[in-house]
PDB file of N, CA and C in Angstrom:
ATOM      1  N   MET A   1       2.168 -19.763 -12.228  1.00  0.00           N
ATOM      2  CA  MET A   1       2.634 -19.514 -10.711  1.00  0.00           C
ATOM      3  C   MET A   1       2.784 -17.925 -10.355  1.00  0.00           C
ATOM      4  N   TRP A   2       2.175 -17.818  -9.377  1.00  0.00           N
ATOM      5  CA  TRP A   2       2.575 -16.286  -8.658  1.00  0.00           C
ATOM      6  C   TRP A   2       2.738 -16.816  -7.533  1.00  0.00           C
ATOM      7  N   LEU A   3       4.322 -15.681  -7.518  1.00  0.00           N
ATOM      8  CA  LEU A   3       4.719 -15.960  -5.640  1.00  0.00           C
ATOM      9  C   LEU A   3       4.593 -14.719  -4.939  1.00  0.00           C
ATOM     10  N   PHE A   4       4.073 -15.187  -4.033  1.00  0.00           N
ATOM     11  CA  PHE A   4       3.948 -13.655  -2.825  1.00  0.00           C
ATOM     12  C   PHE A   4       4.786 -14.097  -1.791  1.00  0.00           C
ATOM     13  N   VAL A   5       5.582 -12.514  -1.567  1.00  0.00           N
ATOM     14  CA  VAL A   5       6.289 -12.408  -0.656  1.00  0.00           C
ATOM     15  C   VAL A   5       5.557 -11.858   0.815  1.00  0.00           C
ATOM     16  N   PHE A   6       5.904 -12.416   1.316  1.00  0.00           N
ATOM     17  CA  PHE A   6       5.129 -11.066   2.892  1.00  0.00           C
ATOM     18  C   PHE A   6       6.293 -11.379   4.454  1.00  0.00           C
ATOM     19  N   PHE A   7       6.528 -10.056   4.314  1.00  0.00           N
ATOM     20  CA  PHE A   7       7.188  -9.688   5.420  1.00  0.00           C
ATOM     21  C   PHE A   7       7.181  -8.556   6.561  1.00  0.00           C
ATOM     22  N   ASP A   8       7.575  -8.973   7.697  1.00  0.00           N
ATOM     23  CA  ASP A   8       7.145  -8.102   8.935  1.00  0.00           C
ATOM     24  C   ASP A   8       9.371  -7.960   9.221  1.00  0.00           C
ATOM     25  N   LEU A   9      10.014  -7.406   8.983  1.00  0.00           N
ATOM     26  CA  LEU A   9      11.396  -6.983   9.230  1.00  0.00           C
ATOM     27  C   LEU A   9      11.433  -5.977  10.177  1.00  0.00           C
ATOM     28  N   PRO A  10      12.225  -5.840  11.345  1.00  0.00           N
ATOM     29  CA  PRO A  10      11.888  -4.894  12.326  1.00  0.00           C
ATOM     30  C   PRO A  10      12.613  -3.225  12.000  1.00  0.00           C
ATOM     31  N   THR A  11      12.724  -2.518  11.891  1.00  0.00           N
ATOM     32  CA  THR A  11      13.471  -1.101  11.280  1.00  0.00           C
ATOM     33  C   THR A  11      13.899  -0.221  12.657  1.00  0.00           C
ATOM     34  N   ASN A  12      13.967  -0.896  13.919  1.00  0.00           N
ATOM     35  CA  ASN A  12      14.406   0.154  14.902  1.00  0.00           C
ATOM     36  C   ASN A  12      15.641   0.772  14.875  1.00  0.00           C
ATOM     37  N   THR A  13      16.799   0.223  14.214  1.00  0.00           N
ATOM     38  CA  THR A  13      17.988   0.822  14.154  1.00  0.00           C
ATOM     39  C   THR A  13      18.305   0.899  12.918  1.00  0.00           C
ATOM     40  N   LYS A  14      19.234   1.843  12.963  1.00  0.00           N
ATOM     41  CA  LYS A  14      19.365   1.726  11.651  1.00  0.00           C
ATOM     42  C   LYS A  14      20.307   1.010  10.595  1.00  0.00           C
ATOM     43  N   THR A  15      21.087  -0.510  11.278  1.00  0.00           N
ATOM     44  CA  THR A  15      21.233  -1.486  10.686  1.00  0.00           C
ATOM     45  C   THR A  15      20.256  -2.040  10.265  1.00  0.00           C
ATOM     46  N   GLU A  16      18.962  -2.378  11.169  1.00  0.00           N
ATOM     47  CA  GLU A  16      18.084  -3.086  10.994  1.00  0.00           C
ATOM     48  C   GLU A  16      17.429  -2.471   9.523  1.00  0.00           C
ATOM     49  N   ARG A  17      17.057  -0.851   9.582  1.00  0.00           N
ATOM     50  CA  ARG A  17      16.606  -0.424   8.686  1.00  0.00           C
ATOM     51  C   ARG A  17      17.638  -0.544   6.779  1.00  0.00           C
ATOM     52  N   LYS A  18      18.493  -0.651   7.182  1.00  0.00           N
ATOM     53  CA  LYS A  18      19.199  -1.206   6.096  1.00  0.00           C
ATOM     54  C   LYS A  18      18.931  -2.414   6.003  1.00  0.00           C
ATOM     55  N   ALA A  19      19.111  -3.380   6.724  1.00  0.00           N
ATOM     56  CA  ALA A  19      18.663  -4.370   6.339  1.00  0.00           C
ATOM     57  C   ALA A  19      17.439  -4.909   5.549  1.00  0.00           C
ATOM     58  N   ALA A  20      16.437  -3.981   6.030  1.00  0.00           N
ATOM     59  CA  ALA A  20      15.195  -4.243   5.379  1.00  0.00           C
ATOM     60  C   ALA A  20      15.194  -3.839   3.842  1.00  0.00           C
ATOM     61  N   SER A  21      15.645  -3.145   3.906  1.00  0.00           N
ATOM     62  CA  SER A  21      15.680  -1.687   2.540  1.00  0.00           C
ATOM     63  C   SER A  21      16.723  -2.816   1.413  1.00  0.00           C
ATOM     64  N   THR A  22      17.909  -3.601   2.099  1.00  0.00           N
ATOM     65  CA  THR A  22      18.360  -4.176   1.101  1.00  0.00           C
ATOM     66  C   THR A  22      17.522  -5.471   0.793  1.00  0.00           C
ATOM     67  N   PHE A  23      16.755  -5.720   1.579  1.00  0.00           N
ATOM     68  CA  PHE A  23      15.946  -6.982   1.323  1.00  0.00           C
ATOM     69  C   PHE A  23      15.289  -6.451   0.140  1.00  0.00           C
ATOM     70  N   ARG A  24      14.346  -5.605   0.113  1.00  0.00           N
ATOM     71  CA  ARG A  24      13.307  -4.889  -0.477  1.00  0.00           C
ATOM     72  C   ARG A  24      14.230  -5.134  -2.150  1.00  0.00           C
ATOM     73  N   LYS A  25      15.485  -4.140  -1.781  1.00  0.00           N
ATOM     74  CA  LYS A  25      15.713  -4.111  -3.354  1.00  0.00           C
ATOM     75  C   LYS A  25      16.452  -5.194  -3.703  1.00  0.00           C
ATOM     76  N   LYS A  26      16.635  -6.169  -3.159  1.00  0.00           N
ATOM     77  CA  LYS A  26      17.049  -7.509  -4.016  1.00  0.00           C
ATOM     78  C   LYS A  26      15.887  -8.372  -4.109  1.00  0.00           C
ATOM     79  N   LEU A  27      14.715  -8.070  -3.706  1.00  0.00           N
ATOM     80  CA  LEU A  27      13.267  -8.571  -4.455  1.00  0.00           C
ATOM     81  C   LEU A  27      13.317  -7.794  -5.615  1.00  0.00           C
ATOM     82  N   LEU A  28      13.228  -6.471  -5.833  1.00  0.00           N
ATOM     83  CA  LEU A  28      12.670  -5.779  -6.652  1.00  0.00           C
ATOM     84  C   LEU A  28      13.793  -6.416  -8.213  1.00  0.00           C
ATOM     85  N   LYS A  29      15.320  -6.648  -7.317  1.00  0.00           N
ATOM     86  CA  LYS A  29      15.840  -7.136  -8.530  1.00  0.00           C
ATOM     87  C   LYS A  29      15.751  -7.955  -9.000  1.00  0.00           C
ATOM     88  N   ASP A  30      15.380  -9.132  -8.496  1.00  0.00           N
ATOM     89  CA  ASP A  30      14.973 -10.659  -8.693  1.00  0.00           C
ATOM     90  C   ASP A  30      13.618 -10.758  -9.684  1.00  0.00           C
ATOM     91  N   GLY A  31      13.044  -9.531  -9.917  1.00  0.00           N
ATOM     92  CA  GLY A  31      11.709  -9.571 -10.712  1.00  0.00           C
ATOM     93  C   GLY A  31      10.743  -9.121  -9.848  1.00  0.00           C
ATOM     94  N   PHE A  32      10.833  -9.283  -8.873  1.00  0.00           N
ATOM     95  CA  PHE A  32       9.507  -8.922  -7.966  1.00  0.00           C
ATOM     96  C   PHE A  32       9.027  -7.623  -7.952  1.00  0.00           C
ATOM     97  N   SER A  33       7.545  -7.479  -8.217  1.00  0.00           N
ATOM     98  CA  SER A  33       6.990  -5.969  -8.109  1.00  0.00           C
ATOM     99  C   SER A  33       6.175  -5.770  -6.617  1.00  0.00           C
ATOM    100  N   MET A  34       6.249  -4.454  -5.865  1.00  0.00           N
ATOM    101  CA  MET A  34       5.188  -3.899  -4.927  1.00  0.00           C
ATOM    102  C   MET A  34       4.239  -4.283  -4.562  1.00  0.00           C
ATOM    103  N   MET A  35       3.363  -4.636  -3.909  1.00  0.00           N
ATOM    104  CA  MET A  35       2.399  -5.082  -4.348  1.00  0.00           C
ATOM    105  C   MET A  35       1.369  -4.032  -3.439  1.00  0.00           C
ATOM    106  N   GLN A  36       1.851  -4.122  -2.137  1.00  0.00           N
ATOM    107  CA  GLN A  36       1.837  -3.396  -0.583  1.00  0.00           C
ATOM    108  C   GLN A  36       2.906  -3.274  -0.102  1.00  0.00           C
ATOM    109  N   TYR A  37       3.051  -2.226   0.986  1.00  0.00           N
ATOM    110  CA  TYR A  37       4.515  -1.922   1.680  1.00  0.00           C
ATOM    111  C   TYR A  37       5.399  -3.495   1.554  1.00  0.00           C
ATOM    112  N   SER A  38       4.720  -3.953   2.350  1.00  0.00           N
ATOM    113  CA  SER A  38       5.615  -5.451   3.008  1.00  0.00           C
ATOM    114  C   SER A  38       5.049  -6.829   1.950  1.00  0.00           C
ATOM    115  N   VAL A  39       4.494  -6.928   0.910  1.00  0.00           N
ATOM    116  CA  VAL A  39       3.862  -7.505   0.079  1.00  0.00           C
ATOM    117  C   VAL A  39       4.287  -7.570  -1.606  1.00  0.00           C
ATOM    118  N   TYR A  40       5.198  -8.036  -1.855  1.00  0.00           N
ATOM    119  CA  TYR A  40       5.802  -8.182  -3.426  1.00  0.00           C
ATOM    120  C   TYR A  40       5.423  -9.877  -4.034  1.00  0.00           C
ATOM    121  N   ILE A  41       5.088  -9.252  -5.414  1.00  0.00           N
ATOM    122  CA  ILE A  41       4.525 -10.840  -6.156  1.00  0.00           C
ATOM    123  C   ILE A  41       5.804 -10.565  -7.655  1.00  0.00           C
ATOM    124  N   ARG A  42       5.681 -11.605  -7.903  1.00  0.00           N
ATOM    125  CA  ARG A  42       6.410 -12.368  -9.302  1.00  0.00           C
ATOM    126  C   ARG A  42       5.777 -13.182  -9.860  1.00  0.00           C
ATOM    127  N   HIS A  43       5.630 -13.073 -11.510  1.00  0.00           N
ATOM    128  CA  HIS A  43       5.148 -14.187 -11.998  1.00  0.00           C
ATOM    129  C   HIS A  43       6.140 -15.009 -12.532  1.00  0.00           C
ATOM    130  N   CYS A  44       6.098 -16.197 -12.360  1.00  0.00           N
ATOM    131  CA  CYS A  44       7.102 -17.208 -12.533  1.00  0.00           C
ATOM    132  C   CYS A  44       6.064 -18.454 -13.717  1.00  0.00           C
ATOM    133  N   PRO A  45       6.515 -18.975 -14.963  1.00  0.00           N
ATOM    134  CA  PRO A  45       5.852 -19.820 -15.963  1.00  0.00           C
ATOM    135  C   PRO A  45       5.699 -21.086 -15.674  1.00  0.00           C
ATOM    136  N   SER A  46       6.832 -21.311 -14.832  1.00  0.00           N
ATOM    137  CA  SER A  46       6.754 -22.483 -14.388  1.00  0.00           C
ATOM    138  C   SER A  46       6.840 -23.066 -12.697  1.00  0.00           C
ATOM    139  N   ARG A  47       6.230 -24.103 -12.582  1.00  0.00           N
ATOM    140  CA  ARG A  47       6.757 -24.641 -10.993  1.00  0.00           C
ATOM    141  C   ARG A  47       8.592 -24.563 -10.204  1.00  0.00           C
ATOM    142  N   GLU A  48       8.928 -24.820 -11.444  1.00  0.00           N
ATOM    143  CA  GLU A  48      10.889 -25.483 -12.016  1.00  0.00           C
ATOM    144  C   GLU A  48      11.231 -23.431 -11.289  1.00  0.00           C
ATOM    145  N   SER A  49      10.542 -22.679 -11.760  1.00  0.00           N
ATOM    146  CA  SER A  49      11.129 -21.346 -12.111  1.00  0.00           C
ATOM    147  C   SER A  49      10.639 -20.554 -10.616  1.00  0.00           C
ATOM    148  N   ALA A  50       9.514 -21.019 -10.200  1.00  0.00           N
ATOM    149  CA  ALA A  50       8.870 -20.317  -8.902  1.00  0.00           C
ATOM    150  C   ALA A  50      10.203 -21.158  -7.600  1.00  0.00           C
ATOM    151  N   ASP A  51      10.275 -22.410  -8.036  1.00  0.00           N
ATOM    152  CA  ASP A  51      11.355 -23.377  -6.756  1.00  0.00           C
ATOM    153  C   ASP A  51      12.456 -22.738  -6.706  1.00  0.00           C
ATOM    154  N   VAL A  52      13.088 -22.130  -7.880  1.00  0.00           N
ATOM    155  CA  VAL A  52      14.586 -20.913  -8.513  1.00  0.00           C
ATOM    156  C   VAL A  52      13.979 -19.728  -7.527  1.00  0.00           C
ATOM    157  N   HIS A  53      13.501 -19.242  -7.587  1.00  0.00           N
ATOM    158  CA  HIS A  53      13.339 -17.591  -6.968  1.00  0.00           C
ATOM    159  C   HIS A  53      12.861 -17.862  -5.490  1.00  0.00           C
ATOM    160  N   LYS A  54      12.023 -19.098  -4.858  1.00  0.00           N
ATOM    161  CA  LYS A  54      11.493 -19.418  -3.696  1.00  0.00           C
ATOM    162  C   LYS A  54      13.274 -19.457  -3.111  1.00  0.00           C
ATOM    163  N   THR A  55      14.172 -19.983  -3.507  1.00  0.00           N
ATOM    164  CA  THR A  55      15.704 -20.597  -2.720  1.00  0.00           C
ATOM    165  C   THR A  55      15.813 -19.076  -2.713  1.00  0.00           C
ATOM    166  N   ARG A  56      16.027 -18.111  -3.974  1.00  0.00           N
ATOM    167  CA  ARG A  56      17.137 -16.779  -3.882  1.00  0.00           C
ATOM    168  C   ARG A  56      16.040 -16.535  -2.944  1.00  0.00           C
ATOM    169  N   VAL A  57      15.134 -16.095  -2.304  1.00  0.00           N
ATOM    170  CA  VAL A  57      14.385 -15.176  -1.520  1.00  0.00           C
ATOM    171  C   VAL A  57      15.078 -15.691  -0.148  1.00  0.00           C
ATOM    172  N   LYS A  58      15.101 -17.019   0.424  1.00  0.00           N
ATOM    173  CA  LYS A  58      15.481 -17.413   1.009  1.00  0.00           C
ATOM    174  C   LYS A  58      16.892 -17.194   1.609  1.00  0.00           C
ATOM    175  N   ASN A  59      17.563 -16.834   0.258  1.00  0.00           N
ATOM    176  CA  ASN A  59      19.017 -16.721   0.443  1.00  0.00           C
ATOM    177  C   ASN A  59      19.075 -15.030   1.105  1.00  0.00           C
ATOM    178  N   PHE A  60      18.219 -14.099   0.604  1.00  0.00           N
ATOM    179  CA  PHE A  60      17.963 -12.443   0.654  1.00  0.00           C
ATOM    180  C   PHE A  60      17.861 -12.024   2.349  1.00  0.00           C
ATOM    181  N   LEU A  61      17.400 -13.223   3.168  1.00  0.00           N
ATOM    182  CA  LEU A  61      16.902 -13.008   4.097  1.00  0.00           C
ATOM    183  C   LEU A  61      17.743 -12.365   5.303  1.00  0.00           C
ATOM    184  N   ALA A  62      16.800 -11.381   6.086  1.00  0.00           N
ATOM    185  CA  ALA A  62      18.388 -11.008   7.039  1.00  0.00           C
ATOM    186  C   ALA A  62      17.897 -11.557   8.365  1.00  0.00           C
ATOM    187  N   ASN A  63      18.835 -10.968   9.416  1.00  0.00           N
ATOM    188  CA  ASN A  63      19.084 -11.908  10.668  1.00  0.00           C
ATOM    189  C   ASN A  63      17.733 -11.919  11.629  1.00  0.00           C
ATOM    190  N   LYS A  64      16.989 -10.657  11.298  1.00  0.00           N
ATOM    191  CA  LYS A  64      15.969 -10.920  12.472  1.00  0.00           C
ATOM    192  C   LYS A  64      14.786 -10.808  11.311  1.00  0.00           C
ATOM    193  N   GLY A  65      13.205 -10.517  12.024  1.00  0.00           N
ATOM    194  CA  GLY A  65      12.218 -10.555  11.341  1.00  0.00           C
ATOM    195  C   GLY A  65      11.370 -11.685  10.961  1.00  0.00           C
ATOM    196  N   LEU A  66      10.469 -11.768  10.117  1.00  0.00           N
ATOM    197  CA  LEU A  66       9.737 -12.997   9.680  1.00  0.00           C
ATOM    198  C   LEU A  66       9.365 -13.026   8.149  1.00  0.00           C
ATOM    199  N   VAL A  67       9.290 -13.562   7.304  1.00  0.00           N
ATOM    200  CA  VAL A  67       9.440 -13.919   6.308  1.00  0.00           C
ATOM    201  C   VAL A  67       8.792 -15.028   5.202  1.00  0.00           C
ATOM    202  N   SER A  68       7.203 -14.476   4.550  1.00  0.00           N
ATOM    203  CA  SER A  68       6.693 -15.997   4.114  1.00  0.00           C
ATOM    204  C   SER A  68       6.796 -16.142   2.734  1.00  0.00           C
ATOM    205  N   ILE A  69       6.201 -17.370   2.183  1.00  0.00           N
ATOM    206  CA  ILE A  69       6.160 -17.342   0.477  1.00  0.00           C
ATOM    207  C   ILE A  69       5.038 -18.027   0.475  1.00  0.00           C
ATOM    208  N   LEU A  70       4.354 -17.511  -0.435  1.00  0.00           N
ATOM    209  CA  LEU A  70       3.030 -18.331  -0.774  1.00  0.00           C
ATOM    210  C   LEU A  70       3.389 -18.441  -2.676  1.00  0.00           C
ATOM    211  N   MET A  71       3.017 -19.231  -2.689  1.00  0.00           N
ATOM    212  CA  MET A  71       2.873 -19.528  -4.032  1.00  0.00           C
ATOM    213  C   MET A  71       1.412 -19.947  -4.622  1.00  0.00           C
ATOM    214  N   VAL A  72       0.977 -19.117  -5.833  1.00  0.00           N
ATOM    215  CA  VAL A  72      -0.466 -19.661  -6.153  1.00  0.00           C
ATOM    216  C   VAL A  72      -0.275 -20.127  -7.579  1.00  0.00           C
ATOM    217  N   THR A  73      -1.316 -20.612  -8.160  1.00  0.00           N
ATOM    218  CA  THR A  73      -1.610 -20.796  -9.576  1.00  0.00           C
ATOM    219  C   THR A  73      -2.155 -19.453 -10.156  1.00  0.00           C
ATOM    220  N   ASP A  74      -1.838 -19.448 -11.558  1.00  0.00           N
ATOM    221  CA  ASP A  74      -2.655 -18.180 -12.532  1.00  0.00           C
ATOM    222  C   ASP A  74      -4.341 -18.270 -12.044  1.00  0.00           C
ATOM    223  N   LYS A  75      -4.853 -19.223 -12.146  1.00  0.00           N
ATOM    224  CA  LYS A  75      -6.305 -19.171 -11.604  1.00  0.00           C
ATOM    225  C   LYS A  75      -6.954 -18.599 -10.333  1.00  0.00           C
ATOM    226  N   GLN A  76      -6.023 -19.376  -9.578  1.00  0.00           N
ATOM    227  CA  GLN A  76      -6.090 -18.537  -7.845  1.00  0.00           C
ATOM    228  C   GLN A  76      -5.719 -17.154  -8.137  1.00  0.00           C
ATOM    229  N   PHE A  77      -4.687 -16.651  -8.923  1.00  0.00           N
ATOM    230  CA  PHE A  77      -4.275 -15.210  -8.928  1.00  0.00           C
ATOM    231  C   PHE A  77      -5.427 -14.630  -9.524  1.00  0.00           C
ATOM    232  N   GLY A  78      -6.228 -14.776 -10.085  1.00  0.00           N
ATOM    233  CA  GLY A  78      -7.593 -14.387 -10.875  1.00  0.00           C
ATOM    234  C   GLY A  78      -8.039 -13.864 -10.339  1.00  0.00           C
ATOM    235  N   MET A  79      -8.306 -14.820  -8.971  1.00  0.00           N
ATOM    236  CA  MET A  79      -9.466 -14.286  -8.176  1.00  0.00           C
ATOM    237  C   MET A  79      -9.214 -13.743  -7.453  1.00  0.00           C
ATOM    238  N   ILE A  80      -8.051 -12.710  -7.470  1.00  0.00           N
ATOM    239  CA  ILE A  80      -7.873 -11.874  -6.565  1.00  0.00           C
ATOM    240  C   ILE A  80      -8.796 -10.789  -6.792  1.00  0.00           C
ATOM    241  N   MET A  81      -9.435 -10.452  -5.611  1.00  0.00           N
ATOM    242  CA  MET A  81     -10.116  -8.984  -5.074  1.00  0.00           C
ATOM    243  C   MET A  81      -9.234  -7.654  -4.657  1.00  0.00           C
ATOM    244  N   ASN A  82      -9.069  -6.527  -5.592  1.00  0.00           N
ATOM    245  CA  ASN A  82      -8.470  -5.699  -4.679  1.00  0.00           C
ATOM    246  C   ASN A  82     -10.061  -4.360  -4.746  1.00  0.00           C
ATOM    247  N   PHE A  83      -9.129  -3.722  -3.676  1.00  0.00           N
ATOM    248  CA  PHE A  83     -10.192  -3.075  -3.669  1.00  0.00           C
ATOM    249  C   PHE A  83      -9.689  -1.745  -3.201  1.00  0.00           C
ATOM    250  N   TRP A  84      -9.831  -0.131  -3.669  1.00  0.00           N
ATOM    251  CA  TRP A  84      -9.023   1.020  -3.434  1.00  0.00           C
ATOM    252  C   TRP A  84     -10.189   1.826  -2.526  1.00  0.00           C
ATOM    253  N   GLY A  85      -9.748   2.669  -1.716  1.00  0.00           N
ATOM    254  CA  GLY A  85     -10.454   3.620  -1.335  1.00  0.00           C
ATOM    255  C   GLY A  85     -11.060   4.636  -2.168  1.00  0.00           C
ATOM    256  N   THR A  86     -12.322   5.221  -1.842  1.00  0.00           N
ATOM    257  CA  THR A  86     -12.442   6.735  -2.613  1.00  0.00           C
ATOM    258  C   THR A  86     -11.704   7.537  -2.742  1.00  0.00           C
ATOM    259  N   SER A  87     -11.836   8.241  -3.622  1.00  0.00           N
ATOM    260  CA  SER A  87     -10.931   9.719  -3.500  1.00  0.00           C
ATOM    261  C   SER A  87     -11.412  10.732  -2.607  1.00  0.00           C
ATOM    262  N   THR A  88     -10.933  11.548  -2.201  1.00  0.00           N
ATOM    263  CA  THR A  88     -11.332  12.874  -1.212  1.00  0.00           C
ATOM    264  C   THR A  88     -11.103  14.091  -2.150  1.00  0.00           C
ATOM    265  N   SER A  89     -10.527  14.144  -3.558  1.00  0.00           N
ATOM    266  CA  SER A  89     -10.441  15.574  -3.990  1.00  0.00           C
ATOM    267  C   SER A  89     -11.873  15.904  -4.927  1.00  0.00           C
ATOM    268  N   LYS A  90     -11.518  17.117  -4.657  1.00  0.00           N
ATOM    269  CA  LYS A  90     -12.217  18.205  -5.345  1.00  0.00           C
ATOM    270  C   LYS A  90     -12.669  17.632  -6.265  1.00  0.00           C
ATOM    271  N   PRO A  91     -13.967  17.750  -6.588  1.00  0.00           N
ATOM    272  CA  PRO A  91     -15.058  17.203  -7.746  1.00  0.00           C
ATOM    273  C   PRO A  91     -14.726  18.281  -8.959  1.00  0.00           C
ATOM    274  N   LYS A  92     -14.652  17.651 -10.290  1.00  0.00           N
ATOM    275  CA  LYS A  92     -13.910  18.628 -11.087  1.00  0.00           C
ATOM    276  C   LYS A  92     -15.200  19.618 -11.271  1.00  0.00           C
ATOM    277  N   GLN A  93     -14.669  20.890 -12.026  1.00  0.00           N
ATOM    278  CA  GLN A  93     -16.036  21.661 -12.507  1.00  0.00           C
ATOM    279  C   GLN A  93     -16.869  21.242 -13.806  1.00  0.00           C
ATOM    280  N   LYS A  94     -17.627  21.717 -13.958  1.00  0.00           N
ATOM    281  CA  LYS A  94     -18.729  21.122 -15.166  1.00  0.00           C
ATOM    282  C   LYS A  94     -18.015  21.860 -16.231  1.00  0.00           C
ATOM    283  N   PRO A  95     -18.066  21.205 -17.242  1.00  0.00           N
ATOM    284  CA  PRO A  95     -17.566  21.770 -18.798  1.00  0.00           C
ATOM    285  C   PRO A  95     -18.846  23.111 -18.952  1.00  0.00           C
ATOM    286  N   ARG A  96     -17.992  23.946 -19.121  1.00  0.00           N
ATOM    287  CA  ARG A  96     -18.686  25.398 -20.038  1.00  0.00           C
ATOM    288  C   ARG A  96     -19.453  25.137 -20.559  1.00  0.00           C
ATOM    289  N   PRO A  97     -20.629  25.197 -20.973  1.00  0.00           N
ATOM    290  CA  PRO A  97     -21.738  25.363 -22.195  1.00  0.00           C
ATOM    291  C   PRO A  97     -21.417  25.875 -23.574  1.00  0.00           C
ATOM    292  N   GLN A  98     -21.513  24.494 -24.170  1.00  0.00           N
ATOM    293  CA  GLN A  98     -20.440  24.794 -25.365  1.00  0.00           C
ATOM    294  C   GLN A  98     -21.702  25.873 -26.536  1.00  0.00           C
ATOM    295  N   LEU A  99     -21.453  26.213 -27.612  1.00  0.00           N
ATOM    296  CA  LEU A  99     -22.437  27.162 -28.262  1.00  0.00           C
ATOM    297  C   LEU A  99     -22.943  26.422 -29.428  1.00  0.00           C
ATOM    298  N   GLU A 100     -24.318  25.802 -29.740  1.00  0.00           N
ATOM    299  CA  GLU A 100     -24.996  24.607 -30.770  1.00  0.00           C
ATOM    300  C   GLU A 100     -24.781  25.635 -32.034  1.00  0.00           C
ATOM    301  N   LEU A 101     -24.667  25.479 -33.219  1.00  0.00           N
ATOM    302  CA  LEU A 101     -24.927  26.012 -34.362  1.00  0.00           C
ATOM    303  C   LEU A 101     -25.871  24.720 -35.024  1.00  0.00           C
ATOM    304  N   PHE A 102     -26.875  25.562 -36.048  1.00  0.00           N
ATOM    305  CA  PHE A 102     -27.409  24.399 -36.629  1.00  0.00           C
ATOM    306  C   PHE A 102     -27.705  25.029 -38.015  1.00  0.00           C
TER     307      PHE A 102
END
């Protein structure tokens, strides 16, 4: 099982920023990895383990904001498609020609 935690927490005040940061740190401490800035994922070997971590996330909740939890199977997670933008860096220089000896 894979757990996805999606969240949109307010960060307008210093107190809200601290609460959002604390929430992210607790997710990391519980074994989640950041997939995107507000999307964290964690692999769980069983549904029972996933239920334990869902309960922990509920206990991490801040007073404000939206948090969603999605559970998917390994097979469903294996069908994910990720796309990264193309690089805008300069092309590498061509290697110098080498001397060939026969």
